[in-house]
Amino acid sequence: MERLAQKLWANADTRSKGAVDWIVLTTGATFLAVGILASLIGASADFARDTVIETDTSFTQPI
C-alpha cells in the first residue's frame, strides 16, 4: 500500500502538468478557431461589398 501511495504521489506532479498542457492547448485552439472565423467573416464582408451591382441610372429622367 505504501508503494502504491508513493507511486501516486510521484505521478501527481506529472498529471497536473498534463492538465495545464491540456488547458493551454485547448485555449490556443479556441483562439485560433475564433481568429480563423473572424478572418472568414471579414473576407466574406469584403467580397460582398466589392461585388455589389451598381445600378445604371442613365435611363432615368429627372423629375
N, C-alpha and C. Protein backbone atom coordinates (compact mmCIF):
# COMPACT_ATOMS: atom_id res chain seq x y z
N MET A 1 0.83 -1.19 0.00
CA MET A 1 0.00 0.00 0.00
C MET A 1 0.87 1.25 0.00
N GLU A 2 1.95 1.18 0.75
CA GLU A 2 2.85 2.34 0.83
C GLU A 2 3.52 2.59 -0.53
N ARG A 3 3.88 1.53 -1.21
CA ARG A 3 4.49 1.69 -2.54
C ARG A 3 3.49 2.33 -3.51
N LEU A 4 2.26 1.91 -3.43
CA LEU A 4 1.23 2.48 -4.29
C LEU A 4 1.06 3.97 -4.00
N ALA A 5 1.05 4.33 -2.73
CA ALA A 5 0.92 5.73 -2.35
C ALA A 5 2.10 6.54 -2.87
N GLN A 6 3.29 5.99 -2.79
CA GLN A 6 4.48 6.70 -3.29
C GLN A 6 4.40 6.88 -4.80
N LYS A 7 3.93 5.87 -5.50
CA LYS A 7 3.79 5.99 -6.96
C LYS A 7 2.76 7.06 -7.32
N LEU A 8 1.64 7.07 -6.58
CA LEU A 8 0.61 8.06 -6.87
C LEU A 8 1.11 9.48 -6.60
N TRP A 9 1.84 9.65 -5.49
CA TRP A 9 2.37 10.99 -5.19
C TRP A 9 3.42 11.39 -6.21
N ALA A 10 4.21 10.44 -6.68
CA ALA A 10 5.24 10.75 -7.67
C ALA A 10 4.61 11.15 -9.00
N ASN A 11 3.48 10.53 -9.34
CA ASN A 11 2.82 10.83 -10.60
C ASN A 11 1.90 12.04 -10.52
N ALA A 12 1.62 12.52 -9.32
CA ALA A 12 0.69 13.65 -9.18
C ALA A 12 1.22 14.90 -9.87
N ASP A 13 2.52 15.14 -9.75
CA ASP A 13 3.11 16.32 -10.38
C ASP A 13 3.03 16.21 -11.90
N THR A 14 3.29 15.05 -12.42
CA THR A 14 3.21 14.82 -13.86
C THR A 14 1.78 15.00 -14.36
N ARG A 15 0.82 14.52 -13.61
CA ARG A 15 -0.57 14.64 -14.02
C ARG A 15 -1.02 16.10 -14.04
N SER A 16 -0.60 16.86 -13.06
CA SER A 16 -1.02 18.27 -13.03
C SER A 16 -0.41 19.03 -14.20
N LYS A 17 0.81 18.71 -14.56
CA LYS A 17 1.42 19.37 -15.73
C LYS A 17 0.67 18.99 -17.00
N GLY A 18 0.20 17.77 -17.08
CA GLY A 18 -0.58 17.35 -18.23
C GLY A 18 -1.89 18.11 -18.33
N ALA A 19 -2.50 18.38 -17.17
CA ALA A 19 -3.75 19.14 -17.17
C ALA A 19 -3.50 20.56 -17.63
N VAL A 20 -2.40 21.15 -17.18
CA VAL A 20 -2.07 22.52 -17.60
C VAL A 20 -1.81 22.55 -19.10
N ASP A 21 -1.09 21.56 -19.60
CA ASP A 21 -0.85 21.49 -21.05
C ASP A 21 -2.16 21.38 -21.81
N TRP A 22 -3.09 20.58 -21.31
CA TRP A 22 -4.38 20.40 -21.97
C TRP A 22 -5.14 21.72 -21.99
N ILE A 23 -5.13 22.44 -20.88
CA ILE A 23 -5.84 23.73 -20.81
C ILE A 23 -5.21 24.73 -21.78
N VAL A 24 -3.88 24.78 -21.80
CA VAL A 24 -3.19 25.72 -22.69
C VAL A 24 -3.46 25.38 -24.15
N LEU A 25 -3.39 24.11 -24.50
CA LEU A 25 -3.65 23.70 -25.88
C LEU A 25 -5.09 23.97 -26.29
N THR A 26 -6.02 23.70 -25.39
CA THR A 26 -7.43 23.95 -25.69
C THR A 26 -7.70 25.44 -25.88
N THR A 27 -7.12 26.25 -25.01
CA THR A 27 -7.28 27.70 -25.12
C THR A 27 -6.67 28.21 -26.42
N GLY A 28 -5.48 27.72 -26.76
CA GLY A 28 -4.83 28.12 -28.01
C GLY A 28 -5.65 27.72 -29.22
N ALA A 29 -6.20 26.52 -29.20
CA ALA A 29 -7.02 26.07 -30.32
C ALA A 29 -8.29 26.90 -30.45
N THR A 30 -8.85 27.30 -29.31
CA THR A 30 -10.06 28.13 -29.34
C THR A 30 -9.76 29.49 -29.95
N PHE A 31 -8.66 30.13 -29.51
CA PHE A 31 -8.29 31.42 -30.07
C PHE A 31 -8.00 31.31 -31.56
N LEU A 32 -7.35 30.23 -31.98
CA LEU A 32 -7.07 30.03 -33.39
C LEU A 32 -8.36 29.89 -34.19
N ALA A 33 -9.30 29.11 -33.67
CA ALA A 33 -10.58 28.93 -34.37
C ALA A 33 -11.35 30.24 -34.46
N VAL A 34 -11.35 31.02 -33.39
CA VAL A 34 -12.05 32.32 -33.41
C VAL A 34 -11.37 33.25 -34.41
N GLY A 35 -10.05 33.24 -34.45
CA GLY A 35 -9.33 34.09 -35.41
C GLY A 35 -9.63 33.71 -36.84
N ILE A 36 -9.65 32.42 -37.13
CA ILE A 36 -9.97 31.97 -38.49
C ILE A 36 -11.40 32.35 -38.85
N LEU A 37 -12.32 32.16 -37.92
CA LEU A 37 -13.72 32.51 -38.18
C LEU A 37 -13.87 34.01 -38.43
N ALA A 38 -13.21 34.83 -37.63
CA ALA A 38 -13.28 36.28 -37.83
C ALA A 38 -12.68 36.67 -39.17
N SER A 39 -11.61 36.01 -39.56
CA SER A 39 -10.99 36.29 -40.84
C SER A 39 -11.92 35.93 -42.00
N LEU A 40 -12.58 34.79 -41.88
CA LEU A 40 -13.52 34.38 -42.94
C LEU A 40 -14.71 35.32 -43.02
N ILE A 41 -15.21 35.76 -41.87
CA ILE A 41 -16.33 36.70 -41.87
C ILE A 41 -15.91 38.02 -42.50
N GLY A 42 -14.72 38.49 -42.15
CA GLY A 42 -14.22 39.73 -42.74
C GLY A 42 -14.01 39.61 -44.23
N ALA A 43 -13.48 38.47 -44.67
CA ALA A 43 -13.25 38.27 -46.10
C ALA A 43 -14.56 38.21 -46.86
N SER A 44 -15.57 37.56 -46.28
CA SER A 44 -16.85 37.48 -46.97
C SER A 44 -17.53 38.85 -47.01
N ALA A 45 -17.34 39.66 -45.97
CA ALA A 45 -17.91 41.01 -45.98
C ALA A 45 -17.23 41.87 -47.04
N ASP A 46 -15.91 41.74 -47.17
CA ASP A 46 -15.19 42.48 -48.21
C ASP A 46 -15.66 42.04 -49.60
N PHE A 47 -15.82 40.73 -49.78
CA PHE A 47 -16.27 40.21 -51.07
C PHE A 47 -17.67 40.73 -51.40
N ALA A 48 -18.55 40.72 -50.41
CA ALA A 48 -19.92 41.19 -50.63
C ALA A 48 -19.93 42.68 -50.97
N ARG A 49 -19.09 43.45 -50.29
CA ARG A 49 -19.05 44.89 -50.54
C ARG A 49 -18.48 45.18 -51.93
N ASP A 50 -17.49 44.41 -52.35
CA ASP A 50 -16.84 44.65 -53.64
C ASP A 50 -17.67 44.16 -54.82
N THR A 51 -18.61 43.27 -54.59
CA THR A 51 -19.38 42.71 -55.70
C THR A 51 -20.80 43.25 -55.78
N VAL A 52 -21.06 44.34 -55.12
CA VAL A 52 -22.39 44.95 -55.20
C VAL A 52 -22.60 45.45 -56.63
N ILE A 53 -23.74 45.14 -57.19
CA ILE A 53 -24.05 45.56 -58.56
C ILE A 53 -24.50 47.01 -58.53
N GLU A 54 -23.81 47.81 -59.28
CA GLU A 54 -24.19 49.22 -59.34
C GLU A 54 -25.29 49.38 -60.39
N THR A 55 -26.32 50.08 -60.02
CA THR A 55 -27.44 50.25 -60.95
C THR A 55 -27.13 51.37 -61.94
N ASP A 56 -27.55 51.16 -63.15
CA ASP A 56 -27.35 52.15 -64.20
C ASP A 56 -28.53 53.12 -64.17
N THR A 57 -28.26 54.35 -63.84
CA THR A 57 -29.34 55.34 -63.73
C THR A 57 -29.37 56.28 -64.93
N SER A 58 -28.66 55.93 -66.00
CA SER A 58 -28.60 56.83 -67.16
C SER A 58 -29.94 56.90 -67.91
N PHE A 59 -30.78 55.89 -67.75
CA PHE A 59 -32.05 55.89 -68.48
C PHE A 59 -33.17 56.61 -67.71
N THR A 60 -32.92 56.99 -66.49
CA THR A 60 -33.97 57.66 -65.72
C THR A 60 -34.05 59.13 -66.10
N GLN A 61 -35.23 59.65 -66.02
CA GLN A 61 -35.43 61.06 -66.36
C GLN A 61 -35.51 61.88 -65.07
N PRO A 62 -34.93 63.05 -65.10
CA PRO A 62 -35.03 63.89 -63.90
C PRO A 62 -36.46 64.34 -63.67
N ILE A 63 -36.79 64.51 -62.45
CA ILE A 63 -38.16 64.93 -62.10
C ILE A 63 -38.25 66.43 -62.09
